[in-house]
Amino acid sequence: MSMAAPLAMARQAGAGSPVVFLHGLGSDRLSWAAVEPAASGHAIWNVDLPGHGESDDDPGDGSIDTLVERVFTDPAIPQTGPLHLVGHSLGGGLALAYAASRPDRVASLFLIAPAGLGRGLDRSFLEGLPEIASDEDAAELLRRGVSAPHLISPPIVARALSRRASPSARGALRAMAHWLLDAEGRLSADADAVSARGLRRFCVWGAEDRINPPDPARLDGFGPHRLIEGAGHLPQVEAPMKVRKLLVEHLTAGAEP
């Protein structure tokens, strides 16, 4: 892992505790565009995971532990002091895994439909993401992730297909999807560890999520949370102002007086 290229990321200076944004499988750091202003005033790192956005296509074995190491040993990420982690789906799972292993490095967690806390990931969706090859196939699959199909616009479809033009990018997505599907039990245990350690946390879920459906009982046991009506698996895209408000409140509540 020490020889891996640095990950692509957008950085923003700020005086507040660092905030790291971690996107979901098949997405990239642009998925946070409408929510990121909630962290204004904080130092921000918005990461492209391997095989996504502008990062390289080498996820190693694609496992949760490898991805956690790749992200949090990246030379651009602060290596001392606590971080606020904002993660969606796979990114939420990575945040849980890191928080369980390094609670001393985590100021708080703000998780959106994180892997390991729902009723179970849609296997056909995750296995299909690396394989989309046409506008029609891409649009049909991506629309399963939202409650309002019109949100999957032609530019979004084109962006998804352009990243998969590289065989190595498809391979990276396949490896990560494989490990993610097999890691749900592990991530569920990580969520329990986070709860037991009392780390500050907040969970957001689209009430109409079909990719990783919310589990109310599991959420009640995990901690504070909010279901957003009229949103599917991407509430940061479907209801960005609601998610932004919740993130502002979360970060403000943990600010030092």
Protein backbone atom coordinates (compact mmCIF):
# COMPACT_ATOMS: atom_id res chain seq x y z
CA MET A 1 0.00 0.00 0.00
CA SER A 2 2.90 2.38 0.56
CA MET A 3 3.52 2.50 -3.22
CA ALA A 4 -0.06 3.48 -4.09
CA ALA A 5 -0.52 6.80 -5.84
CA PRO A 6 -2.17 9.58 -3.82
CA LEU A 7 -5.93 9.67 -4.18
CA ALA A 8 -7.57 12.55 -6.00
CA MET A 9 -9.35 14.92 -3.67
CA ALA A 10 -10.60 18.46 -3.40
CA ARG A 11 -9.24 20.36 -0.42
CA GLN A 12 -10.53 23.49 1.26
CA ALA A 13 -8.80 25.42 4.02
CA GLY A 14 -10.60 26.22 7.24
CA ALA A 15 -10.07 26.70 10.95
CA GLY A 16 -12.61 24.11 12.11
CA SER A 17 -11.83 20.44 12.75
CA PRO A 18 -11.17 18.57 9.48
CA VAL A 19 -14.13 17.03 7.65
CA VAL A 20 -13.56 14.09 5.29
CA PHE A 21 -16.28 13.24 2.71
CA LEU A 22 -16.43 9.63 1.49
CA HIS A 23 -18.75 8.78 -1.43
CA GLY A 24 -20.50 5.53 -2.32
CA LEU A 25 -19.69 2.80 -4.84
CA GLY A 26 -19.96 3.97 -8.44
CA SER A 27 -20.12 7.65 -7.46
CA ASP A 28 -17.40 10.24 -6.89
CA ARG A 29 -16.65 13.32 -4.84
CA LEU A 30 -18.99 15.48 -6.97
CA SER A 31 -21.95 13.73 -5.33
CA TRP A 32 -21.34 15.97 -2.29
CA ALA A 33 -21.44 19.24 -4.25
CA ALA A 34 -24.75 20.47 -2.80
CA VAL A 35 -24.00 19.32 0.76
CA GLU A 36 -20.34 20.23 1.16
CA PRO A 37 -21.10 23.92 1.98
CA ALA A 38 -22.46 22.67 5.32
CA ALA A 39 -18.83 22.21 6.37
CA SER A 40 -17.85 25.75 5.38
CA GLY A 41 -15.31 27.08 7.85
CA HIS A 42 -13.85 23.61 8.44
CA ALA A 43 -10.84 22.19 6.67
CA ILE A 44 -12.39 19.84 4.06
CA TRP A 45 -11.06 16.80 2.24
CA ASN A 46 -13.43 15.41 -0.40
CA VAL A 47 -12.00 12.11 -1.62
CA ASP A 48 -12.33 10.12 -4.85
CA LEU A 49 -11.99 6.46 -3.90
CA PRO A 50 -9.84 4.16 -6.09
CA GLY A 51 -11.55 3.42 -9.41
CA HIS A 52 -13.72 6.52 -9.09
CA GLY A 53 -13.56 10.11 -10.27
CA GLU A 54 -9.99 11.20 -10.90
CA SER A 55 -8.25 8.62 -8.70
CA ASP A 56 -6.29 5.68 -10.08
CA ASP A 57 -7.92 2.30 -10.73
CA ASP A 58 -6.03 0.28 -8.13
CA PRO A 59 -8.19 -0.70 -5.14
CA GLY A 60 -5.79 -3.48 -4.11
CA ASP A 61 -7.92 -6.48 -3.22
CA GLY A 62 -10.95 -4.19 -2.88
CA SER A 63 -11.46 -5.13 0.76
CA ILE A 64 -12.77 -2.77 3.41
CA ASP A 65 -9.49 -2.85 5.32
CA THR A 66 -7.44 -2.10 2.21
CA LEU A 67 -9.68 0.82 1.25
CA VAL A 68 -9.55 2.21 4.80
CA GLU A 69 -5.76 2.03 4.75
CA ARG A 70 -5.61 3.60 1.29
CA VAL A 71 -7.77 6.56 2.35
CA PHE A 72 -6.47 7.27 5.82
CA THR A 73 -2.77 6.85 5.09
CA ASP A 74 -3.02 9.10 2.03
CA PRO A 75 -0.38 11.82 2.50
CA ALA A 76 -2.96 14.56 1.92
CA ILE A 77 -5.19 13.48 4.83
CA PRO A 78 -4.20 14.85 8.27
CA GLN A 79 -2.37 12.12 10.16
CA THR A 80 -2.90 13.57 13.63
CA GLY A 81 -5.94 14.87 15.45
CA PRO A 82 -9.61 13.89 15.18
CA LEU A 83 -11.59 13.94 11.93
CA HIS A 84 -15.29 14.40 11.23
CA LEU A 85 -16.22 11.64 8.79
CA VAL A 86 -19.15 12.11 6.39
CA GLY A 87 -19.83 8.91 4.46
CA HIS A 88 -22.47 7.53 2.10
CA SER A 89 -23.13 3.81 1.52
CA LEU A 90 -19.68 2.27 0.91
CA GLY A 91 -18.13 5.49 2.23
CA GLY A 92 -20.27 5.14 5.35
CA GLY A 93 -18.99 1.60 5.78
CA LEU A 94 -15.41 2.81 5.47
CA ALA A 95 -16.12 5.46 8.11
CA LEU A 96 -17.55 2.84 10.46
CA ALA A 97 -14.57 0.52 9.93
CA TYR A 98 -12.06 3.29 10.59
CA ALA A 99 -13.94 4.57 13.64
CA ALA A 100 -14.10 1.06 15.12
CA SER A 101 -10.34 0.57 14.73
CA ARG A 102 -9.18 4.13 15.46
CA PRO A 103 -11.75 5.85 17.69
CA ASP A 104 -9.04 8.26 18.82
CA ARG A 105 -8.91 9.71 15.28
CA VAL A 106 -12.67 10.28 14.94
CA ALA A 107 -14.42 13.40 16.19
CA SER A 108 -17.81 12.33 14.84
CA LEU A 109 -19.63 10.33 12.18
CA PHE A 110 -22.34 11.62 9.85
CA LEU A 111 -23.52 8.62 7.86
CA ILE A 112 -25.96 8.35 4.96
CA ALA A 113 -27.37 4.86 4.31
CA PRO A 114 -24.10 3.25 5.46
CA ALA A 115 -23.27 -0.33 4.53
CA GLY A 116 -23.66 -2.51 7.61
CA LEU A 117 -26.66 -0.75 9.14
CA GLY A 118 -29.54 -1.41 6.72
CA ARG A 119 -31.64 -4.48 6.01
CA GLY A 120 -29.15 -5.67 3.40
CA LEU A 121 -27.56 -4.40 0.20
CA ASP A 122 -29.18 -5.08 -3.18
CA ARG A 123 -26.77 -7.63 -4.68
CA SER A 124 -28.07 -7.28 -8.23
CA PHE A 125 -27.58 -3.50 -8.12
CA LEU A 126 -24.00 -3.69 -6.85
CA GLU A 127 -23.05 -6.47 -9.25
CA GLY A 128 -24.63 -4.54 -12.12
CA LEU A 129 -22.83 -1.23 -11.47
CA PRO A 130 -19.48 -2.29 -12.97
CA GLU A 131 -21.14 -3.86 -16.01
CA ILE A 132 -23.31 -1.06 -17.42
CA ALA A 133 -22.43 -0.60 -21.09
CA SER A 134 -25.18 1.50 -22.70
CA ASP A 135 -27.18 4.63 -21.96
CA GLU A 136 -30.33 2.56 -21.51
CA ASP A 137 -28.77 0.03 -19.13
CA ALA A 138 -27.06 2.74 -17.11
CA ALA A 139 -30.20 4.86 -16.78
CA GLU A 140 -32.33 1.87 -15.76
CA LEU A 141 -29.89 0.75 -13.08
CA LEU A 142 -29.13 4.21 -11.69
CA ARG A 143 -32.82 5.08 -11.42
CA ARG A 144 -33.21 2.28 -8.90
CA GLY A 145 -31.17 4.39 -6.51
CA VAL A 146 -33.54 7.39 -6.45
CA SER A 147 -37.20 8.00 -5.75
CA ALA A 148 -37.59 10.44 -8.68
CA PRO A 149 -36.29 8.94 -11.95
CA HIS A 150 -35.88 12.34 -13.63
CA LEU A 151 -32.92 13.02 -11.34
CA ILE A 152 -30.87 10.58 -13.42
CA SER A 153 -30.18 13.01 -16.24
CA PRO A 154 -28.29 12.30 -19.48
CA PRO A 155 -25.12 14.00 -18.15
CA ILE A 156 -25.18 11.73 -15.08
CA VAL A 157 -25.57 8.67 -17.30
CA ALA A 158 -22.77 9.85 -19.58
CA ARG A 159 -20.45 10.43 -16.62
CA ALA A 160 -21.13 6.93 -15.27
CA LEU A 161 -20.37 5.36 -18.65
CA SER A 162 -17.25 7.43 -19.31
CA ARG A 163 -15.59 6.19 -16.10
CA ARG A 164 -16.31 2.58 -17.10
CA ALA A 165 -14.65 3.00 -20.49
CA SER A 166 -11.49 1.79 -18.76
CA PRO A 167 -11.32 -1.99 -18.18
CA SER A 168 -9.23 -1.35 -15.08
CA ALA A 169 -11.92 0.93 -13.64
CA ARG A 170 -14.52 -1.81 -14.21
CA GLY A 171 -12.20 -4.27 -12.50
CA ALA A 172 -11.81 -1.96 -9.53
CA LEU A 173 -15.58 -1.61 -9.17
CA ARG A 174 -16.05 -5.38 -9.40
CA ALA A 175 -13.48 -6.00 -6.67
CA MET A 176 -14.98 -3.39 -4.35
CA ALA A 177 -18.56 -4.58 -4.93
CA HIS A 178 -17.53 -8.17 -4.20
CA TRP A 179 -15.90 -7.29 -0.92
CA LEU A 180 -18.66 -4.89 0.09
CA LEU A 181 -21.32 -7.58 -0.29
CA ASP A 182 -19.28 -9.96 1.85
CA ALA A 183 -18.47 -7.32 4.48
CA GLU A 184 -21.94 -6.48 5.79
CA GLY A 185 -21.57 -8.68 8.88
CA ARG A 186 -18.19 -7.19 9.62
CA LEU A 187 -19.49 -3.63 9.21
CA SER A 188 -22.48 -4.40 11.41
CA ALA A 189 -20.02 -5.41 14.14
CA ASP A 190 -18.08 -2.20 13.53
CA ALA A 191 -21.31 -0.22 13.99
CA ASP A 192 -21.86 -1.98 17.32
CA ALA A 193 -18.31 -1.10 18.37
CA VAL A 194 -18.87 2.54 17.46
CA SER A 195 -22.04 2.59 19.56
CA ALA A 196 -20.33 0.90 22.50
CA ARG A 197 -17.50 3.43 22.47
CA GLY A 198 -19.94 6.31 22.56
CA LEU A 199 -18.58 8.10 19.50
CA ARG A 200 -20.75 11.01 18.44
CA ARG A 201 -22.80 9.94 15.45
CA PHE A 202 -25.82 10.76 13.31
CA CYS A 203 -27.42 8.69 10.58
CA VAL A 204 -29.54 9.86 7.63
CA TRP A 205 -31.58 7.55 5.43
CA GLY A 206 -33.92 7.92 2.50
CA ALA A 207 -37.25 6.41 3.53
CA GLU A 208 -37.65 4.96 0.02
CA ASP A 209 -34.16 3.48 -0.24
CA ARG A 210 -34.32 0.25 -2.26
CA ILE A 211 -30.57 -0.32 -2.52
CA ASN A 212 -29.89 -0.50 1.22
CA PRO A 213 -33.33 -0.29 2.88
CA PRO A 214 -33.39 1.28 6.34
CA ASP A 215 -33.90 -0.97 9.35
CA PRO A 216 -35.74 1.13 11.98
CA ALA A 217 -34.89 -1.21 14.85
CA ARG A 218 -31.22 -1.24 13.93
CA LEU A 219 -31.19 2.54 13.59
CA ASP A 220 -32.85 2.99 16.98
CA GLY A 221 -30.10 0.86 18.51
CA PHE A 222 -27.32 2.72 16.72
CA GLY A 223 -28.21 6.21 17.80
CA PRO A 224 -29.69 9.52 16.59
CA HIS A 225 -31.04 9.37 13.05
CA ARG A 226 -33.46 10.91 10.57
CA LEU A 227 -35.49 9.32 7.79
CA ILE A 228 -36.07 11.62 4.82
CA GLU A 229 -39.39 11.07 3.08
CA GLY A 230 -39.41 11.13 -0.70
CA ALA A 231 -35.76 10.12 -0.97
CA GLY A 232 -34.13 6.87 -1.99
CA HIS A 233 -30.50 5.80 -1.65
CA LEU A 234 -29.09 9.25 -2.48
CA PRO A 235 -30.68 11.80 -0.13
CA GLN A 236 -27.63 14.06 -0.51
CA VAL A 237 -28.66 14.37 -4.18
CA GLU A 238 -32.44 14.03 -3.83
CA ALA A 239 -32.93 16.28 -0.78
CA PRO A 240 -29.63 18.17 -0.48
CA MET A 241 -30.97 21.14 1.50
CA LYS A 242 -32.40 18.84 4.17
CA VAL A 243 -29.15 16.88 4.40
CA ARG A 244 -27.10 20.09 4.44
CA LYS A 245 -29.18 21.46 7.33
CA LEU A 246 -28.72 18.24 9.31
CA LEU A 247 -24.96 18.27 8.71
CA VAL A 248 -24.70 21.91 9.80
CA GLU A 249 -26.54 21.03 13.01
CA HIS A 250 -24.34 17.99 13.55
CA LEU A 251 -21.08 19.87 13.11
CA THR A 252 -22.29 22.86 15.13
CA ALA A 253 -23.43 20.67 18.01
CA GLY A 254 -19.91 19.26 18.31
CA ALA A 255 -18.09 22.56 18.02
CA GLU A 256 -15.99 23.73 20.91
CA PRO A 257 -17.46 26.73 22.77
